[in-house]
Every structure is written in C-alpha cells, then in structure tokens.
Amino acid sequence: MSEKYKTYEGGLFFVTLTVVGWIDVFTRPDYAELFLESLRFCIRRKGLRVYAFCIMPSHVHLIADVDDGLLLADVLRDLKSFTAKSIYELIETHPQESRRDWLLRLLQFHGRPHGQVFKFWQEGNHPISLTSPAWMQQKQDYIHQNPVQSRLSMKPTITHSAAHFRIVAYR
C-alpha cells in the first residue's frame, strides 16, 4: 500500500472522515452531537488532540495529532468504529427519524460488498501531513470556511466547528 496517505508517530494531520455515498447524516443534530461526544471521549481517554474541525452534512474535517507513542490512524479507527455502530443504532431507534428506511437501506447497501450488515464510513481518512505553519494555516482556513463556501453558514462560526468548541482545552 502507498505511504502517501498514512499517518506516522509524531505527525500532525488534516484528515477527512466521509460517510459512505456522501449521505447527509449530520444534517440531524442528534447524529452530529453523538459524533461530538465520541470526539470528546477520544480527547479525554485516547490521547487525541484536535486543533480545528468542522462537521459537514456528509463528512468531518479535522486537524489532529495524538500523544507520544500513539498513532492517529488507530484512534481514528476506534472513533469511526464506535460512531458507525452508535449512529446506526440511533437511526434505527430515533422516534423522529423520517428518513429511517432510506438511511438504513443505503448503509446496508454499502455494507454488502464488504460482507457487513452495514457500512457507515468510507475506507481511509486521506491523512495529509501538515509539515509547515503555512500548510496548517491553509488547512485551518479551509476547515473554517467550508461551511461558508457550502452555503451552510454566513460566517465561519457554526455550532459544530472548533470556533464554538475549544476541544483541546477539554482534556
């Protein structure tokens, strides 16, 4: 496998976690909040450090690293595994989910080729190593402007972004 998109110990990375089929799951606040709770857990208990992030309707952007001796890929694997199961269960049981059948059918469809009951996240995280302050600033600006460019917000301060969620301080 190519070394181009892998994390390594001590690196700082821009990563994107994408829902299969670009399904707009995070338009529902309960699903976004579940993801945020899981992110907080990874910060407090798994050594994750997040410097910027944004939850978009079908994906999440992060600038992150991990404590010494850990690999970001391992923490992201655990985060994705837990949130996939938890969000799927919440879709199944949420009393106000008007798109339940459609969402479950799509997630199950994406799981079939992999021999799984369902699949929530696309494979990989497309990690990009941030090796200079200028490169980090460019990616941070991208994260904060993504909701604006997508016309989800008039300015880069929305609920599910680092602008309102000083995540590193919650350790």
N, C-alpha and C. Protein backbone atom coordinates (compact mmCIF):
# COMPACT_ATOMS: atom_id res chain seq x y z
N MET A 1 0.84 -1.18 0.00
CA MET A 1 0.00 0.00 0.00
C MET A 1 0.88 1.24 0.00
N SER A 2 0.42 2.28 -0.62
CA SER A 2 1.16 3.52 -0.73
C SER A 2 1.39 4.17 0.63
N GLU A 3 2.55 4.76 0.81
CA GLU A 3 2.87 5.50 2.03
C GLU A 3 2.31 6.92 1.97
N LYS A 4 1.79 7.32 0.82
CA LYS A 4 1.36 8.70 0.63
C LYS A 4 0.29 9.13 1.63
N TYR A 5 -0.68 8.29 1.92
CA TYR A 5 -1.79 8.67 2.78
C TYR A 5 -1.84 7.79 4.04
N LYS A 6 -0.76 7.84 4.82
CA LYS A 6 -0.71 7.12 6.08
C LYS A 6 -0.25 8.07 7.17
N THR A 7 -0.69 7.79 8.37
CA THR A 7 -0.22 8.58 9.49
C THR A 7 1.06 7.96 10.03
N TYR A 8 1.80 8.74 10.77
CA TYR A 8 3.02 8.25 11.41
C TYR A 8 3.13 8.92 12.76
N GLU A 9 3.87 8.29 13.66
CA GLU A 9 4.01 8.80 15.01
C GLU A 9 4.66 10.18 14.99
N GLY A 10 4.09 11.09 15.76
CA GLY A 10 4.62 12.43 15.88
C GLY A 10 4.13 13.41 14.83
N GLY A 11 3.29 12.96 13.89
CA GLY A 11 2.82 13.83 12.82
C GLY A 11 1.54 14.57 13.17
N LEU A 12 1.35 15.69 12.53
CA LEU A 12 0.14 16.49 12.61
C LEU A 12 -0.54 16.36 11.26
N PHE A 13 -1.85 16.06 11.27
CA PHE A 13 -2.53 15.72 10.03
C PHE A 13 -3.86 16.44 9.84
N PHE A 14 -4.17 16.70 8.58
CA PHE A 14 -5.50 17.10 8.13
C PHE A 14 -6.16 15.82 7.65
N VAL A 15 -7.31 15.46 8.22
CA VAL A 15 -8.00 14.23 7.82
C VAL A 15 -9.46 14.53 7.52
N THR A 16 -10.03 13.69 6.70
CA THR A 16 -11.45 13.79 6.36
C THR A 16 -12.09 12.43 6.56
N LEU A 17 -13.12 12.39 7.37
CA LEU A 17 -13.92 11.19 7.59
C LEU A 17 -15.21 11.38 6.80
N THR A 18 -15.48 10.49 5.86
CA THR A 18 -16.60 10.67 4.95
C THR A 18 -17.60 9.53 5.07
N VAL A 19 -18.87 9.88 5.15
CA VAL A 19 -19.95 8.89 5.21
C VAL A 19 -20.08 8.25 3.82
N VAL A 20 -20.33 6.96 3.80
CA VAL A 20 -20.49 6.25 2.52
C VAL A 20 -21.56 6.93 1.68
N GLY A 21 -21.32 6.97 0.38
CA GLY A 21 -22.30 7.55 -0.52
C GLY A 21 -22.55 9.04 -0.29
N TRP A 22 -21.70 9.66 0.50
CA TRP A 22 -21.85 11.08 0.84
C TRP A 22 -23.25 11.36 1.39
N ILE A 23 -23.77 10.40 2.18
CA ILE A 23 -25.10 10.55 2.77
C ILE A 23 -25.07 11.68 3.79
N ASP A 24 -26.04 12.55 3.75
CA ASP A 24 -26.06 13.74 4.61
C ASP A 24 -26.62 13.45 6.01
N VAL A 25 -25.96 12.55 6.70
CA VAL A 25 -26.39 12.12 8.03
C VAL A 25 -26.32 13.25 9.06
N PHE A 26 -25.29 14.08 8.97
CA PHE A 26 -25.06 15.07 10.02
C PHE A 26 -25.93 16.32 9.88
N THR A 27 -26.92 16.27 8.99
CA THR A 27 -27.91 17.34 8.98
C THR A 27 -28.83 17.21 10.20
N ARG A 28 -28.83 16.04 10.82
CA ARG A 28 -29.61 15.82 12.03
C ARG A 28 -28.73 16.14 13.24
N PRO A 29 -29.12 17.09 14.08
CA PRO A 29 -28.30 17.49 15.23
C PRO A 29 -27.96 16.34 16.18
N ASP A 30 -28.86 15.38 16.35
CA ASP A 30 -28.58 14.28 17.28
C ASP A 30 -27.41 13.43 16.82
N TYR A 31 -27.26 13.24 15.52
CA TYR A 31 -26.15 12.44 15.00
C TYR A 31 -24.84 13.21 15.11
N ALA A 32 -24.90 14.49 14.84
CA ALA A 32 -23.70 15.33 14.98
C ALA A 32 -23.27 15.39 16.44
N GLU A 33 -24.21 15.50 17.35
CA GLU A 33 -23.88 15.54 18.78
C GLU A 33 -23.28 14.23 19.25
N LEU A 34 -23.78 13.11 18.74
CA LEU A 34 -23.20 11.82 19.09
C LEU A 34 -21.75 11.76 18.63
N PHE A 35 -21.48 12.25 17.42
CA PHE A 35 -20.11 12.29 16.94
C PHE A 35 -19.25 13.16 17.85
N LEU A 36 -19.76 14.33 18.24
CA LEU A 36 -19.00 15.23 19.11
C LEU A 36 -18.70 14.60 20.47
N GLU A 37 -19.67 13.89 21.03
CA GLU A 37 -19.44 13.20 22.30
C GLU A 37 -18.32 12.17 22.15
N SER A 38 -18.32 11.47 21.04
CA SER A 38 -17.28 10.47 20.78
C SER A 38 -15.92 11.13 20.59
N LEU A 39 -15.91 12.26 19.93
CA LEU A 39 -14.67 13.02 19.74
C LEU A 39 -14.13 13.47 21.10
N ARG A 40 -15.00 13.96 21.95
CA ARG A 40 -14.59 14.37 23.31
C ARG A 40 -14.00 13.20 24.08
N PHE A 41 -14.62 12.04 23.95
CA PHE A 41 -14.11 10.84 24.62
C PHE A 41 -12.70 10.52 24.14
N CYS A 42 -12.48 10.58 22.84
CA CYS A 42 -11.15 10.28 22.29
C CYS A 42 -10.12 11.29 22.77
N ILE A 43 -10.54 12.51 22.98
CA ILE A 43 -9.63 13.53 23.50
C ILE A 43 -9.28 13.24 24.96
N ARG A 44 -10.27 12.92 25.75
CA ARG A 44 -10.04 12.69 27.19
C ARG A 44 -9.36 11.35 27.47
N ARG A 45 -9.69 10.32 26.69
CA ARG A 45 -9.26 8.96 27.06
C ARG A 45 -8.31 8.27 26.10
N LYS A 46 -8.18 8.79 24.88
CA LYS A 46 -7.38 8.08 23.88
C LYS A 46 -6.21 8.89 23.35
N GLY A 47 -5.94 10.05 23.92
CA GLY A 47 -4.77 10.82 23.52
C GLY A 47 -4.92 11.65 22.26
N LEU A 48 -6.15 11.83 21.79
CA LEU A 48 -6.38 12.63 20.60
C LEU A 48 -6.28 14.11 20.93
N ARG A 49 -5.62 14.87 20.06
CA ARG A 49 -5.57 16.33 20.17
C ARG A 49 -6.11 16.90 18.87
N VAL A 50 -7.15 17.72 18.99
CA VAL A 50 -7.81 18.32 17.82
C VAL A 50 -7.59 19.81 17.87
N TYR A 51 -7.09 20.37 16.77
CA TYR A 51 -6.77 21.79 16.69
C TYR A 51 -7.80 22.57 15.89
N ALA A 52 -8.47 21.91 15.00
CA ALA A 52 -9.55 22.52 14.21
C ALA A 52 -10.41 21.37 13.68
N PHE A 53 -11.69 21.64 13.54
CA PHE A 53 -12.56 20.64 12.94
C PHE A 53 -13.83 21.31 12.45
N CYS A 54 -14.54 20.58 11.60
CA CYS A 54 -15.83 21.04 11.10
C CYS A 54 -16.65 19.82 10.73
N ILE A 55 -17.88 19.79 11.19
CA ILE A 55 -18.80 18.73 10.79
C ILE A 55 -19.67 19.27 9.67
N MET A 56 -19.55 18.65 8.52
CA MET A 56 -20.37 18.99 7.36
C MET A 56 -21.49 17.95 7.25
N PRO A 57 -22.45 18.12 6.38
CA PRO A 57 -23.56 17.17 6.31
C PRO A 57 -23.15 15.71 6.08
N SER A 58 -22.10 15.48 5.29
CA SER A 58 -21.72 14.11 4.94
C SER A 58 -20.28 13.75 5.30
N HIS A 59 -19.57 14.65 5.96
CA HIS A 59 -18.18 14.36 6.29
C HIS A 59 -17.70 15.28 7.41
N VAL A 60 -16.54 14.93 7.95
CA VAL A 60 -15.94 15.68 9.04
C VAL A 60 -14.48 15.95 8.67
N HIS A 61 -14.05 17.19 8.83
CA HIS A 61 -12.65 17.56 8.64
C HIS A 61 -12.03 17.79 10.02
N LEU A 62 -10.79 17.32 10.19
CA LEU A 62 -10.06 17.52 11.44
C LEU A 62 -8.62 17.89 11.15
N ILE A 63 -8.05 18.73 11.99
CA ILE A 63 -6.59 18.84 12.09
C ILE A 63 -6.28 18.26 13.46
N ALA A 64 -5.48 17.20 13.48
CA ALA A 64 -5.30 16.47 14.73
C ALA A 64 -3.96 15.76 14.78
N ASP A 65 -3.56 15.45 16.01
CA ASP A 65 -2.45 14.55 16.27
C ASP A 65 -2.80 13.78 17.54
N VAL A 66 -1.86 12.98 18.01
CA VAL A 66 -2.09 12.17 19.22
C VAL A 66 -0.88 12.27 20.13
N ASP A 67 -1.08 11.84 21.38
CA ASP A 67 0.01 11.83 22.34
C ASP A 67 1.15 10.94 21.85
N ASP A 68 2.35 11.19 22.36
CA ASP A 68 3.52 10.40 22.00
C ASP A 68 3.27 8.92 22.23
N GLY A 69 3.78 8.11 21.31
CA GLY A 69 3.65 6.66 21.42
C GLY A 69 2.38 6.11 20.80
N LEU A 70 1.51 6.98 20.31
CA LEU A 70 0.25 6.55 19.70
C LEU A 70 0.26 6.86 18.21
N LEU A 71 -0.65 6.23 17.49
CA LEU A 71 -0.83 6.52 16.06
C LEU A 71 -2.23 7.09 15.85
N LEU A 72 -2.30 8.18 15.12
CA LEU A 72 -3.58 8.81 14.82
C LEU A 72 -4.51 7.82 14.12
N ALA A 73 -3.97 7.01 13.23
CA ALA A 73 -4.79 6.04 12.49
C ALA A 73 -5.53 5.10 13.44
N ASP A 74 -4.89 4.70 14.53
CA ASP A 74 -5.53 3.79 15.50
C ASP A 74 -6.68 4.47 16.23
N VAL A 75 -6.47 5.71 16.63
CA VAL A 75 -7.53 6.45 17.33
C VAL A 75 -8.70 6.71 16.38
N LEU A 76 -8.41 7.09 15.14
CA LEU A 76 -9.47 7.33 14.17
C LEU A 76 -10.23 6.06 13.85
N ARG A 77 -9.53 4.93 13.78
CA ARG A 77 -10.20 3.65 13.55
C ARG A 77 -11.22 3.39 14.65
N ASP A 78 -10.81 3.59 15.92
CA ASP A 78 -11.71 3.37 17.04
C ASP A 78 -12.88 4.35 17.02
N LEU A 79 -12.59 5.61 16.72
CA LEU A 79 -13.64 6.64 16.64
C LEU A 79 -14.66 6.27 15.56
N LYS A 80 -14.17 5.89 14.40
CA LYS A 80 -15.07 5.54 13.30
C LYS A 80 -15.88 4.28 13.62
N SER A 81 -15.27 3.30 14.23
CA SER A 81 -15.97 2.07 14.57
C SER A 81 -17.10 2.34 15.56
N PHE A 82 -16.78 3.06 16.61
CA PHE A 82 -17.79 3.35 17.63
C PHE A 82 -18.92 4.21 17.07
N THR A 83 -18.56 5.28 16.36
CA THR A 83 -19.61 6.18 15.85
C THR A 83 -20.46 5.50 14.78
N ALA A 84 -19.87 4.64 13.98
CA ALA A 84 -20.66 3.92 12.97
C ALA A 84 -21.75 3.10 13.63
N LYS A 85 -21.38 2.30 14.63
CA LYS A 85 -22.37 1.46 15.33
C LYS A 85 -23.39 2.32 16.06
N SER A 86 -22.92 3.34 16.75
CA SER A 86 -23.81 4.17 17.57
C SER A 86 -24.79 4.98 16.73
N ILE A 87 -24.31 5.57 15.65
CA ILE A 87 -25.20 6.35 14.80
C ILE A 87 -26.20 5.45 14.08
N TYR A 88 -25.75 4.27 13.65
CA TYR A 88 -26.66 3.32 13.01
C TYR A 88 -27.78 2.93 13.98
N GLU A 89 -27.41 2.63 15.22
CA GLU A 89 -28.42 2.27 16.23
C GLU A 89 -29.36 3.44 16.51
N LEU A 90 -28.82 4.65 16.53
CA LEU A 90 -29.66 5.82 16.76
C LEU A 90 -30.62 6.03 15.59
N ILE A 91 -30.16 5.82 14.38
CA ILE A 91 -31.06 5.92 13.22
C ILE A 91 -32.19 4.90 13.37
N GLU A 92 -31.85 3.66 13.78
CA GLU A 92 -32.86 2.62 13.94
C GLU A 92 -33.92 2.96 14.97
N THR A 93 -33.53 3.67 16.02
CA THR A 93 -34.44 3.87 17.16
C THR A 93 -34.94 5.29 17.33
N HIS A 94 -34.41 6.23 16.57
CA HIS A 94 -34.79 7.64 16.76
C HIS A 94 -36.27 7.82 16.41
N PRO A 95 -37.06 8.30 17.37
CA PRO A 95 -38.52 8.40 17.14
C PRO A 95 -38.90 9.43 16.08
N GLN A 96 -38.02 10.37 15.77
CA GLN A 96 -38.35 11.42 14.81
C GLN A 96 -37.59 11.30 13.49
N GLU A 97 -36.98 10.15 13.25
CA GLU A 97 -36.21 10.00 12.00
C GLU A 97 -37.14 9.67 10.85
N SER A 98 -37.44 10.67 10.04
CA SER A 98 -38.36 10.49 8.91
C SER A 98 -37.70 9.74 7.75
N ARG A 99 -36.37 9.69 7.73
CA ARG A 99 -35.66 9.04 6.63
C ARG A 99 -35.09 7.68 7.03
N ARG A 100 -35.60 7.10 8.11
CA ARG A 100 -35.04 5.86 8.66
C ARG A 100 -34.86 4.77 7.61
N ASP A 101 -35.93 4.40 6.92
CA ASP A 101 -35.85 3.29 5.97
C ASP A 101 -34.84 3.57 4.87
N TRP A 102 -34.85 4.79 4.36
CA TRP A 102 -33.92 5.18 3.30
C TRP A 102 -32.48 5.12 3.79
N LEU A 103 -32.21 5.70 4.96
CA LEU A 103 -30.85 5.70 5.50
C LEU A 103 -30.35 4.28 5.77
N LEU A 104 -31.16 3.47 6.41
CA LEU A 104 -30.74 2.10 6.74
C LEU A 104 -30.50 1.29 5.46
N ARG A 105 -31.37 1.46 4.49
CA ARG A 105 -31.21 0.73 3.22
C ARG A 105 -29.89 1.12 2.54
N LEU A 106 -29.57 2.42 2.52
CA LEU A 106 -28.31 2.86 1.91
C LEU A 106 -27.09 2.34 2.67
N LEU A 107 -27.11 2.43 3.99
CA LEU A 107 -25.98 1.95 4.79
C LEU A 107 -25.80 0.44 4.63
N GLN A 108 -26.91 -0.29 4.55
CA GLN A 108 -26.84 -1.74 4.34
C GLN A 108 -26.32 -2.05 2.93
N PHE A 109 -26.77 -1.29 1.95
CA PHE A 109 -26.30 -1.47 0.57
C PHE A 109 -24.78 -1.32 0.50
N HIS A 110 -24.24 -0.31 1.18
CA HIS A 110 -22.80 -0.08 1.15
C HIS A 110 -22.02 -1.13 1.94
N GLY A 111 -22.68 -1.83 2.86
CA GLY A 111 -22.02 -2.87 3.63
C GLY A 111 -21.92 -4.20 2.90
N ARG A 112 -22.89 -4.49 2.05
CA ARG A 112 -22.95 -5.78 1.36
C ARG A 112 -21.67 -6.18 0.63
N PRO A 113 -21.07 -5.30 -0.18
CA PRO A 113 -19.85 -5.72 -0.90
C PRO A 113 -18.69 -6.07 0.03
N HIS A 114 -18.76 -5.63 1.27
CA HIS A 114 -17.70 -5.89 2.24
C HIS A 114 -18.07 -7.01 3.21
N GLY A 115 -19.20 -7.68 2.95
CA GLY A 115 -19.65 -8.76 3.81
C GLY A 115 -20.11 -8.27 5.17
N GLN A 116 -20.57 -7.04 5.24
CA GLN A 116 -21.01 -6.45 6.50
C GLN A 116 -22.50 -6.18 6.44
N VAL A 117 -23.13 -6.13 7.61
CA VAL A 117 -24.55 -5.81 7.68
C VAL A 117 -24.78 -4.38 7.19
N PHE A 118 -23.86 -3.48 7.53
CA PHE A 118 -23.94 -2.10 7.08
C PHE A 118 -22.54 -1.51 7.06
N LYS A 119 -22.40 -0.39 6.41
CA LYS A 119 -21.14 0.36 6.41
C LYS A 119 -21.52 1.83 6.53
N PHE A 120 -20.90 2.53 7.48
CA PHE A 120 -21.21 3.93 7.70
C PHE A 120 -20.15 4.85 7.10
N TRP A 121 -18.88 4.59 7.41
CA TRP A 121 -17.78 5.44 6.95
C TRP A 121 -17.11 4.86 5.72
N GLN A 122 -16.67 5.71 4.83
CA GLN A 122 -15.81 5.27 3.73
C GLN A 122 -14.48 4.79 4.31
N GLU A 123 -13.80 3.94 3.55
CA GLU A 123 -12.48 3.47 3.96
C GLU A 123 -11.50 4.64 3.96
N GLY A 124 -10.56 4.61 4.88
CA GLY A 124 -9.49 5.60 4.91
C GLY A 124 -9.92 6.94 5.47
N ASN A 125 -8.93 7.79 5.67
CA ASN A 125 -9.14 9.12 6.22
C ASN A 125 -8.44 10.18 5.39
N HIS A 126 -7.72 9.74 4.36
CA HIS A 126 -6.96 10.62 3.48
C HIS A 126 -6.11 11.60 4.30
N PRO A 127 -5.25 11.08 5.19
CA PRO A 127 -4.45 11.99 6.02
C PRO A 127 -3.40 12.74 5.20
N ILE A 128 -3.34 14.03 5.41
CA ILE A 128 -2.34 14.88 4.77
C ILE A 128 -1.46 15.45 5.88
N SER A 129 -0.18 15.15 5.82
CA SER A 129 0.77 15.61 6.83
C SER A 129 0.95 17.12 6.72
N LEU A 130 0.82 17.80 7.85
CA LEU A 130 0.99 19.26 7.89
C LEU A 130 2.38 19.55 8.43
N THR A 131 3.29 19.83 7.53
CA THR A 131 4.70 19.93 7.89
C THR A 131 5.21 21.37 8.03
N SER A 132 4.33 22.33 7.82
CA SER A 132 4.75 23.72 7.98
C SER A 132 3.60 24.55 8.55
N PRO A 133 3.91 25.64 9.25
CA PRO A 133 2.85 26.51 9.77
C PRO A 133 1.95 27.06 8.66
N ALA A 134 2.51 27.36 7.50
CA ALA A 134 1.71 27.88 6.40
C ALA A 134 0.71 26.84 5.90
N TRP A 135 1.15 25.58 5.81
CA TRP A 135 0.28 24.49 5.35
C TRP A 135 -0.83 24.26 6.37
N MET A 136 -0.49 24.31 7.67
CA MET A 136 -1.51 24.15 8.70
C MET A 136 -2.53 25.30 8.63
N GLN A 137 -2.04 26.52 8.46
CA GLN A 137 -2.94 27.67 8.38
C GLN A 137 -3.89 27.56 7.19
N GLN A 138 -3.36 27.09 6.06
CA GLN A 138 -4.19 26.92 4.87
C GLN A 138 -5.31 25.91 5.14
N LYS A 139 -4.98 24.79 5.77
CA LYS A 139 -5.99 23.76 6.06
C LYS A 139 -6.96 24.23 7.14
N GLN A 140 -6.48 24.98 8.12
CA GLN A 140 -7.37 25.51 9.15
C GLN A 140 -8.36 26.51 8.52
N ASP A 141 -7.88 27.37 7.65
CA ASP A 141 -8.77 28.30 6.95
C ASP A 141 -9.80 27.54 6.12
N TYR A 142 -9.35 26.47 5.47
CA TYR A 142 -10.27 25.65 4.67
C TYR A 142 -11.37 25.07 5.55
N ILE A 143 -10.98 24.52 6.70
CA ILE A 143 -11.96 23.94 7.61
C ILE A 143 -12.97 24.98 8.06
N HIS A 144 -12.51 26.14 8.45
CA HIS A 144 -13.42 27.16 8.96
C HIS A 144 -14.27 27.79 7.86
N GLN A 145 -13.78 27.80 6.64
CA GLN A 145 -14.55 28.37 5.53
C GLN A 145 -15.44 27.35 4.82
N ASN A 146 -15.25 26.06 5.07
CA ASN A 146 -16.01 25.03 4.37
C ASN A 146 -17.52 25.21 4.50
N PRO A 147 -18.05 25.48 5.70
CA PRO A 147 -19.50 25.70 5.80
C PRO A 147 -19.96 26.97 5.07
N VAL A 148 -19.11 27.97 5.02
CA VAL A 148 -19.45 29.21 4.33
C VAL A 148 -19.49 28.96 2.82
N GLN A 149 -18.45 28.31 2.30
CA GLN A 149 -18.38 28.01 0.88
C GLN A 149 -19.52 27.10 0.44
N SER A 150 -19.98 26.24 1.36
CA SER A 150 -21.08 25.32 1.06
C SER A 150 -22.45 25.95 1.31
N ARG A 151 -22.42 27.22 1.71
CA ARG A 151 -23.63 27.99 1.99
C ARG A 151 -24.46 27.41 3.14
N LEU A 152 -23.77 26.80 4.09
CA LEU A 152 -24.42 26.31 5.29
C LEU A 152 -24.39 27.36 6.40
N SER A 153 -23.54 28.35 6.23
CA SER A 153 -23.37 29.40 7.22
C SER A 153 -22.95 30.68 6.51
N MET A 154 -23.29 31.80 7.11
CA MET A 154 -22.90 33.09 6.54
C MET A 154 -21.49 33.48 6.96
N LYS A 155 -21.03 32.92 8.09
CA LYS A 155 -19.69 33.20 8.58
C LYS A 155 -19.12 31.93 9.20
N PRO A 156 -17.81 31.85 9.37
CA PRO A 156 -17.18 30.59 9.80
C PRO A 156 -17.30 30.31 11.30
N THR A 157 -18.43 30.60 11.88
CA THR A 157 -18.65 30.29 13.29
C THR A 157 -19.99 29.57 13.42
N ILE A 158 -19.97 28.26 13.22
CA ILE A 158 -21.19 27.47 13.35
C ILE A 158 -21.05 26.54 14.54
N THR A 159 -22.14 25.97 14.95
CA THR A 159 -22.17 25.15 16.16
C THR A 159 -21.16 24.01 16.14
N HIS A 160 -21.06 23.28 15.06
CA HIS A 160 -20.21 22.10 15.03
C HIS A 160 -18.87 22.39 14.36
N SER A 161 -18.21 23.42 14.84
CA SER A 161 -16.86 23.70 14.39
C SER A 161 -16.03 24.12 15.59
N ALA A 162 -14.74 24.13 15.41
CA ALA A 162 -13.85 24.49 16.51
C ALA A 162 -14.05 25.93 16.95
N ALA A 163 -14.71 26.75 16.13
CA ALA A 163 -14.95 28.14 16.50
C ALA A 163 -15.80 28.23 17.78
N HIS A 164 -16.67 27.25 18.01
CA HIS A 164 -17.53 27.25 19.19
C HIS A 164 -17.18 26.10 20.16
N PHE A 165 -16.13 25.40 19.89
CA PHE A 165 -15.86 24.17 20.63
C PHE A 165 -14.36 24.07 20.84
N ARG A 166 -13.87 24.70 21.87
CA ARG A 166 -12.43 24.70 22.14
C ARG A 166 -12.03 23.32 22.66
N ILE A 167 -11.89 22.41 21.74
CA ILE A 167 -11.81 21.00 22.06
C ILE A 167 -10.53 20.60 22.77
N VAL A 168 -9.41 21.18 22.44
CA VAL A 168 -8.15 20.78 23.07
C VAL A 168 -8.18 21.11 24.55
N ALA A 169 -8.88 22.15 24.93
CA ALA A 169 -8.95 22.59 26.33
C ALA A 169 -9.76 21.64 27.20
N TYR A 170 -10.51 20.72 26.63
CA TYR A 170 -11.38 19.85 27.40
C TYR A 170 -10.66 18.64 28.00
N ARG A 171 -9.37 18.53 27.85
CA ARG A 171 -8.64 17.36 28.34
C ARG A 171 -8.68 17.23 29.81
